[in-house]
Amino acid sequence: MYHNLTEGGSAMAELCRLACKEDHLDLCRVSESPMLGDARWIVPTVWRFMPLVDGQVRGFFASWKISLWLYMA
């Protein structure tokens, strides 16, 4: 999951807890994207698609408010 959360915040603590519990969840700061470098210039609603250009990702799943599902494996 690409994020732009700060260290020490409650949301970051919860994400870290989940990432430690779930081996299929990896966290990546949007400012440290492996393929794009500092990608904070990208509109945040597009961040969910950043795994599509990340060579480390084996599967991708995203949802939209209109209930359209996309899965790439």
PDB file of N, CA and C in Angstrom:
ATOM      1  N   MET A   1       0.838  -1.151   0.000  1.00  0.00           N
ATOM      2  CA  MET A   1       0.000   0.000   0.000  1.00  0.00           C
ATOM      3  C   MET A   1       0.899   1.235   0.000  1.00  0.00           C
ATOM      4  N   TYR A   2       0.688   2.080  -0.982  1.00  0.00           N
ATOM      5  CA  TYR A   2       1.405   3.352  -1.019  1.00  0.00           C
ATOM      6  C   TYR A   2       0.712   4.335  -0.082  1.00  0.00           C
ATOM      7  N   HIS A   3       1.486   5.055   0.703  1.00  0.00           N
ATOM      8  CA  HIS A   3       0.916   5.981   1.670  1.00  0.00           C
ATOM      9  C   HIS A   3       1.810   7.203   1.820  1.00  0.00           C
ATOM     10  N   ASN A   4       1.266   8.218   2.458  1.00  0.00           N
ATOM     11  CA  ASN A   4       2.006   9.435   2.760  1.00  0.00           C
ATOM     12  C   ASN A   4       1.770   9.810   4.222  1.00  0.00           C
ATOM     13  N   LEU A   5       1.780   8.810   5.095  1.00  0.00           N
ATOM     14  CA  LEU A   5       1.536   9.021   6.513  1.00  0.00           C
ATOM     15  C   LEU A   5       2.840   9.335   7.236  1.00  0.00           C
ATOM     16  N   THR A   6       2.731  10.061   8.331  1.00  0.00           N
ATOM     17  CA  THR A   6       3.913  10.404   9.117  1.00  0.00           C
ATOM     18  C   THR A   6       4.149   9.369  10.207  1.00  0.00           C
ATOM     19  N   GLU A   7       5.409   9.197  10.554  1.00  0.00           N
ATOM     20  CA  GLU A   7       5.778   8.297  11.640  1.00  0.00           C
ATOM     21  C   GLU A   7       5.161   8.798  12.943  1.00  0.00           C
ATOM     22  N   GLY A   8       4.746   7.877  13.770  1.00  0.00           N
ATOM     23  CA  GLY A   8       4.219   8.240  15.082  1.00  0.00           C
ATOM     24  C   GLY A   8       2.733   8.520  15.124  1.00  0.00           C
ATOM     25  N   GLY A   9       2.093   8.624  13.979  1.00  0.00           N
ATOM     26  CA  GLY A   9       0.651   8.866  13.947  1.00  0.00           C
ATOM     27  C   GLY A   9      -0.134   7.593  14.212  1.00  0.00           C
ATOM     28  N   SER A  10      -1.371   7.736  14.627  1.00  0.00           N
ATOM     29  CA  SER A  10      -2.190   6.559  14.941  1.00  0.00           C
ATOM     30  C   SER A  10      -2.518   5.748  13.687  1.00  0.00           C
ATOM     31  N   ALA A  11      -2.718   6.415  12.549  1.00  0.00           N
ATOM     32  CA  ALA A  11      -3.007   5.688  11.307  1.00  0.00           C
ATOM     33  C   ALA A  11      -1.798   4.864  10.883  1.00  0.00           C
ATOM     34  N   MET A  12      -0.604   5.431  11.012  1.00  0.00           N
ATOM     35  CA  MET A  12       0.610   4.702  10.658  1.00  0.00           C
ATOM     36  C   MET A  12       0.822   3.525  11.591  1.00  0.00           C
ATOM     37  N   ALA A  13       0.552   3.714  12.864  1.00  0.00           N
ATOM     38  CA  ALA A  13       0.681   2.623  13.833  1.00  0.00           C
ATOM     39  C   ALA A  13      -0.256   1.469  13.475  1.00  0.00           C
ATOM     40  N   GLU A  14      -1.471   1.793  13.074  1.00  0.00           N
ATOM     41  CA  GLU A  14      -2.435   0.753  12.697  1.00  0.00           C
ATOM     42  C   GLU A  14      -1.994   0.034  11.424  1.00  0.00           C
ATOM     43  N   LEU A  15      -1.510   0.786  10.433  1.00  0.00           N
ATOM     44  CA  LEU A  15      -1.018   0.155   9.206  1.00  0.00           C
ATOM     45  C   LEU A  15       0.171  -0.755   9.494  1.00  0.00           C
ATOM     46  N   CYS A  16       1.076  -0.305  10.336  1.00  0.00           N
ATOM     47  CA  CYS A  16       2.238  -1.134  10.696  1.00  0.00           C
ATOM     48  C   CYS A  16       1.791  -2.406  11.401  1.00  0.00           C
ATOM     49  N   ARG A  17       0.811  -2.280  12.272  1.00  0.00           N
ATOM     50  CA  ARG A  17       0.281  -3.461  12.969  1.00  0.00           C
ATOM     51  C   ARG A  17      -0.296  -4.459  11.963  1.00  0.00           C
ATOM     52  N   LEU A  18      -1.065  -3.948  11.001  1.00  0.00           N
ATOM     53  CA  LEU A  18      -1.651  -4.822   9.985  1.00  0.00           C
ATOM     54  C   LEU A  18      -0.582  -5.447   9.094  1.00  0.00           C
ATOM     55  N   ALA A  19       0.424  -4.669   8.710  1.00  0.00           N
ATOM     56  CA  ALA A  19       1.480  -5.182   7.843  1.00  0.00           C
ATOM     57  C   ALA A  19       2.277  -6.283   8.542  1.00  0.00           C
ATOM     58  N   CYS A  20       2.456  -6.166   9.842  1.00  0.00           N
ATOM     59  CA  CYS A  20       3.165  -7.208  10.597  1.00  0.00           C
ATOM     60  C   CYS A  20       2.311  -8.463  10.716  1.00  0.00           C
ATOM     61  N   LYS A  21       1.014  -8.298  10.773  1.00  0.00           N
ATOM     62  CA  LYS A  21       0.088  -9.421  10.932  1.00  0.00           C
ATOM     63  C   LYS A  21      -0.191 -10.126   9.603  1.00  0.00           C
ATOM     64  N   GLU A  22      -0.280  -9.364   8.532  1.00  0.00           N
ATOM     65  CA  GLU A  22      -0.651  -9.898   7.213  1.00  0.00           C
ATOM     66  C   GLU A  22       0.557  -9.891   6.282  1.00  0.00           C
ATOM     67  N   ASP A  23       1.048 -11.066   5.924  1.00  0.00           N
ATOM     68  CA  ASP A  23       2.262 -11.133   5.103  1.00  0.00           C
ATOM     69  C   ASP A  23       2.040 -10.701   3.651  1.00  0.00           C
ATOM     70  N   HIS A  24       0.794 -10.555   3.228  1.00  0.00           N
ATOM     71  CA  HIS A  24       0.518 -10.108   1.858  1.00  0.00           C
ATOM     72  C   HIS A  24       0.397  -8.582   1.750  1.00  0.00           C
ATOM     73  N   LEU A  25       0.553  -7.866   2.864  1.00  0.00           N
ATOM     74  CA  LEU A  25       0.449  -6.407   2.862  1.00  0.00           C
ATOM     75  C   LEU A  25       1.837  -5.793   3.052  1.00  0.00           C
ATOM     76  N   ASP A  26       2.250  -5.020   2.080  1.00  0.00           N
ATOM     77  CA  ASP A  26       3.511  -4.298   2.165  1.00  0.00           C
ATOM     78  C   ASP A  26       3.213  -2.804   2.103  1.00  0.00           C
ATOM     79  N   LEU A  27       3.984  -2.041   2.859  1.00  0.00           N
ATOM     80  CA  LEU A  27       3.803  -0.595   2.898  1.00  0.00           C
ATOM     81  C   LEU A  27       4.937   0.086   2.156  1.00  0.00           C
ATOM     82  N   CYS A  28       4.602   1.110   1.404  1.00  0.00           N
ATOM     83  CA  CYS A  28       5.606   1.865   0.662  1.00  0.00           C
ATOM     84  C   CYS A  28       5.236   3.347   0.708  1.00  0.00           C
ATOM     85  N   ARG A  29       6.171   4.156   1.156  1.00  0.00           N
ATOM     86  CA  ARG A  29       5.925   5.602   1.179  1.00  0.00           C
ATOM     87  C   ARG A  29       5.878   6.109  -0.261  1.00  0.00           C
ATOM     88  N   VAL A  30       4.885   6.936  -0.546  1.00  0.00           N
ATOM     89  CA  VAL A  30       4.745   7.483  -1.894  1.00  0.00           C
ATOM     90  C   VAL A  30       5.950   8.368  -2.241  1.00  0.00           C
ATOM     91  N   SER A  31       6.626   8.863  -1.222  1.00  0.00           N
ATOM     92  CA  SER A  31       7.818   9.691  -1.449  1.00  0.00           C
ATOM     93  C   SER A  31       9.061   8.856  -1.747  1.00  0.00           C
ATOM     94  N   GLU A  32       8.933   7.507  -1.647  1.00  0.00           N
ATOM     95  CA  GLU A  32      10.062   6.617  -1.889  1.00  0.00           C
ATOM     96  C   GLU A  32       9.681   5.484  -2.836  1.00  0.00           C
ATOM     97  N   SER A  33       8.950   5.802  -3.878  1.00  0.00           N
ATOM     98  CA  SER A  33       8.508   4.791  -4.835  1.00  0.00           C
ATOM     99  C   SER A  33       9.708   4.176  -5.551  1.00  0.00           C
ATOM    100  N   PRO A  34       9.776   2.839  -5.621  1.00  0.00           N
ATOM    101  CA  PRO A  34      10.909   2.190  -6.291  1.00  0.00           C
ATOM    102  C   PRO A  34      11.054   2.580  -7.764  1.00  0.00           C
ATOM    103  N   MET A  35       9.946   2.822  -8.445  1.00  0.00           N
ATOM    104  CA  MET A  35       9.984   3.118  -9.866  1.00  0.00           C
ATOM    105  C   MET A  35       9.925   4.618 -10.177  1.00  0.00           C
ATOM    106  N   LEU A  36       9.272   5.395  -9.323  1.00  0.00           N
ATOM    107  CA  LEU A  36       9.028   6.804  -9.622  1.00  0.00           C
ATOM    108  C   LEU A  36       9.781   7.776  -8.723  1.00  0.00           C
ATOM    109  N   GLY A  37      10.461   7.261  -7.720  1.00  0.00           N
ATOM    110  CA  GLY A  37      11.127   8.153  -6.770  1.00  0.00           C
ATOM    111  C   GLY A  37      10.098   8.859  -5.908  1.00  0.00           C
ATOM    112  N   ASP A  38      10.228  10.156  -5.733  1.00  0.00           N
ATOM    113  CA  ASP A  38       9.273  10.926  -4.952  1.00  0.00           C
ATOM    114  C   ASP A  38       8.050  11.198  -5.826  1.00  0.00           C
ATOM    115  N   ALA A  39       6.992  10.456  -5.580  1.00  0.00           N
ATOM    116  CA  ALA A  39       5.791  10.537  -6.417  1.00  0.00           C
ATOM    117  C   ALA A  39       4.674  11.329  -5.752  1.00  0.00           C
ATOM    118  N   ARG A  40       5.025  12.182  -4.801  1.00  0.00           N
ATOM    119  CA  ARG A  40       3.995  12.990  -4.145  1.00  0.00           C
ATOM    120  C   ARG A  40       3.348  13.973  -5.111  1.00  0.00           C
ATOM    121  N   TRP A  41       3.977  14.232  -6.252  1.00  0.00           N
ATOM    122  CA  TRP A  41       3.407  15.134  -7.255  1.00  0.00           C
ATOM    123  C   TRP A  41       2.218  14.512  -7.977  1.00  0.00           C
ATOM    124  N   ILE A  42       2.098  13.195  -7.896  1.00  0.00           N
ATOM    125  CA  ILE A  42       0.975  12.501  -8.536  1.00  0.00           C
ATOM    126  C   ILE A  42      -0.277  12.713  -7.685  1.00  0.00           C
ATOM    127  N   VAL A  43      -1.400  12.934  -8.332  1.00  0.00           N
ATOM    128  CA  VAL A  43      -2.668  13.135  -7.640  1.00  0.00           C
ATOM    129  C   VAL A  43      -2.935  11.920  -6.734  1.00  0.00           C
ATOM    130  N   PRO A  44      -3.212  12.138  -5.443  1.00  0.00           N
ATOM    131  CA  PRO A  44      -3.387  11.015  -4.514  1.00  0.00           C
ATOM    132  C   PRO A  44      -4.409   9.970  -4.939  1.00  0.00           C
ATOM    133  N   THR A  45      -5.444  10.343  -5.673  1.00  0.00           N
ATOM    134  CA  THR A  45      -6.429   9.346  -6.110  1.00  0.00           C
ATOM    135  C   THR A  45      -5.840   8.369  -7.124  1.00  0.00           C
ATOM    136  N   VAL A  46      -4.688   8.685  -7.679  1.00  0.00           N
ATOM    137  CA  VAL A  46      -4.029   7.813  -8.654  1.00  0.00           C
ATOM    138  C   VAL A  46      -3.027   6.872  -7.971  1.00  0.00           C
ATOM    139  N   TRP A  47      -2.674   7.155  -6.725  1.00  0.00           N
ATOM    140  CA  TRP A  47      -1.690   6.322  -6.010  1.00  0.00           C
ATOM    141  C   TRP A  47      -2.085   4.856  -5.993  1.00  0.00           C
ATOM    142  N   ARG A  48      -3.377   4.574  -5.967  1.00  0.00           N
ATOM    143  CA  ARG A  48      -3.803   3.164  -5.904  1.00  0.00           C
ATOM    144  C   ARG A  48      -3.333   2.363  -7.116  1.00  0.00           C
ATOM    145  N   PHE A  49      -2.996   3.050  -8.213  1.00  0.00           N
ATOM    146  CA  PHE A  49      -2.550   2.355  -9.417  1.00  0.00           C
ATOM    147  C   PHE A  49      -1.029   2.260  -9.525  1.00  0.00           C
ATOM    148  N   MET A  50      -0.313   2.831  -8.584  1.00  0.00           N
ATOM    149  CA  MET A  50       1.152   2.789  -8.633  1.00  0.00           C
ATOM    150  C   MET A  50       1.717   1.374  -8.629  1.00  0.00           C
ATOM    151  N   PRO A  51       1.064   0.390  -7.994  1.00  0.00           N
ATOM    152  CA  PRO A  51       1.593  -0.973  -8.074  1.00  0.00           C
ATOM    153  C   PRO A  51       1.678  -1.524  -9.498  1.00  0.00           C
ATOM    154  N   LEU A  52       0.912  -0.953 -10.422  1.00  0.00           N
ATOM    155  CA  LEU A  52       0.960  -1.429 -11.808  1.00  0.00           C
ATOM    156  C   LEU A  52       2.321  -1.196 -12.453  1.00  0.00           C
ATOM    157  N   VAL A  53       3.073  -0.203 -11.992  1.00  0.00           N
ATOM    158  CA  VAL A  53       4.402   0.075 -12.548  1.00  0.00           C
ATOM    159  C   VAL A  53       5.515  -0.322 -11.583  1.00  0.00           C
ATOM    160  N   ASP A  54       5.157  -1.022 -10.505  1.00  0.00           N
ATOM    161  CA  ASP A  54       6.125  -1.460  -9.508  1.00  0.00           C
ATOM    162  C   ASP A  54       6.514  -2.901  -9.803  1.00  0.00           C
ATOM    163  N   GLY A  55       7.761  -3.117 -10.188  1.00  0.00           N
ATOM    164  CA  GLY A  55       8.233  -4.442 -10.552  1.00  0.00           C
ATOM    165  C   GLY A  55       8.242  -5.446  -9.413  1.00  0.00           C
ATOM    166  N   GLN A  56       8.100  -4.996  -8.180  1.00  0.00           N
ATOM    167  CA  GLN A  56       8.097  -5.893  -7.027  1.00  0.00           C
ATOM    168  C   GLN A  56       6.716  -6.478  -6.741  1.00  0.00           C
ATOM    169  N   VAL A  57       5.694  -5.979  -7.412  1.00  0.00           N
ATOM    170  CA  VAL A  57       4.317  -6.389  -7.145  1.00  0.00           C
ATOM    171  C   VAL A  57       3.947  -7.591  -8.009  1.00  0.00           C
ATOM    172  N   ARG A  58       3.407  -8.630  -7.370  1.00  0.00           N
ATOM    173  CA  ARG A  58       2.978  -9.834  -8.086  1.00  0.00           C
ATOM    174  C   ARG A  58       1.490  -9.833  -8.368  1.00  0.00           C
ATOM    175  N   GLY A  59       0.721  -9.124  -7.569  1.00  0.00           N
ATOM    176  CA  GLY A  59      -0.724  -9.069  -7.759  1.00  0.00           C
ATOM    177  C   GLY A  59      -1.247  -7.703  -7.385  1.00  0.00           C
ATOM    178  N   PHE A  60      -2.345  -7.321  -7.985  1.00  0.00           N
ATOM    179  CA  PHE A  60      -2.898  -5.991  -7.747  1.00  0.00           C
ATOM    180  C   PHE A  60      -4.413  -6.105  -7.673  1.00  0.00           C
ATOM    181  N   PHE A  61      -4.993  -5.441  -6.697  1.00  0.00           N
ATOM    182  CA  PHE A  61      -6.432  -5.451  -6.517  1.00  0.00           C
ATOM    183  C   PHE A  61      -6.859  -4.052  -6.089  1.00  0.00           C
ATOM    184  N   ALA A  62      -7.811  -3.472  -6.770  1.00  0.00           N
ATOM    185  CA  ALA A  62      -8.301  -2.137  -6.405  1.00  0.00           C
ATOM    186  C   ALA A  62      -9.806  -2.104  -6.562  1.00  0.00           C
ATOM    187  N   SER A  63     -10.420  -1.218  -5.818  1.00  0.00           N
ATOM    188  CA  SER A  63     -11.871  -1.064  -5.940  1.00  0.00           C
ATOM    189  C   SER A  63     -12.198   0.410  -6.152  1.00  0.00           C
ATOM    190  N   TRP A  64     -13.293   0.642  -6.787  1.00  0.00           N
ATOM    191  CA  TRP A  64     -13.787   1.989  -7.030  1.00  0.00           C
ATOM    192  C   TRP A  64     -15.127   2.142  -6.334  1.00  0.00           C
ATOM    193  N   LYS A  65     -15.557   3.352  -6.159  1.00  0.00           N
ATOM    194  CA  LYS A  65     -16.852   3.593  -5.516  1.00  0.00           C
ATOM    195  C   LYS A  65     -18.008   3.035  -6.341  1.00  0.00           C
ATOM    196  N   ILE A  66     -17.792   2.857  -7.626  1.00  0.00           N
ATOM    197  CA  ILE A  66     -18.856   2.332  -8.486  1.00  0.00           C
ATOM    198  C   ILE A  66     -18.875   0.803  -8.508  1.00  0.00           C
ATOM    199  N   SER A  67     -18.114   0.210  -7.570  1.00  0.00           N
ATOM    200  CA  SER A  67     -18.077  -1.239  -7.397  1.00  0.00           C
ATOM    201  C   SER A  67     -17.473  -1.981  -8.600  1.00  0.00           C
ATOM    202  N   LEU A  68     -16.584  -1.335  -9.293  1.00  0.00           N
ATOM    203  CA  LEU A  68     -15.861  -1.994 -10.374  1.00  0.00           C
ATOM    204  C   LEU A  68     -14.587  -2.576  -9.772  1.00  0.00           C
ATOM    205  N   TRP A  69     -14.277  -3.820 -10.066  1.00  0.00           N
ATOM    206  CA  TRP A  69     -13.115  -4.478  -9.477  1.00  0.00           C
ATOM    207  C   TRP A  69     -12.080  -4.769 -10.555  1.00  0.00           C
ATOM    208  N   LEU A  70     -10.841  -4.586 -10.219  1.00  0.00           N
ATOM    209  CA  LEU A  70      -9.747  -4.857 -11.134  1.00  0.00           C
ATOM    210  C   LEU A  70      -8.768  -5.765 -10.421  1.00  0.00           C
ATOM    211  N   TYR A  71      -8.381  -6.827 -11.073  1.00  0.00           N
ATOM    212  CA  TYR A  71      -7.408  -7.739 -10.492  1.00  0.00           C
ATOM    213  C   TYR A  71      -6.383  -8.080 -11.557  1.00  0.00           C
ATOM    214  N   MET A  72      -5.133  -7.975 -11.233  1.00  0.00           N
ATOM    215  CA  MET A  72      -4.067  -8.315 -12.136  1.00  0.00           C
ATOM    216  C   MET A  72      -3.130  -9.265 -11.412  1.00  0.00           C
ATOM    217  N   ALA A  73      -2.836 -10.386 -12.010  1.00  0.00           N
ATOM    218  CA  ALA A  73      -1.902 -11.334 -11.380  1.00  0.00           C
ATOM    219  C   ALA A  73      -0.921 -11.842 -12.413  1.00  0.00           C
TER     220      ALA A  73
END
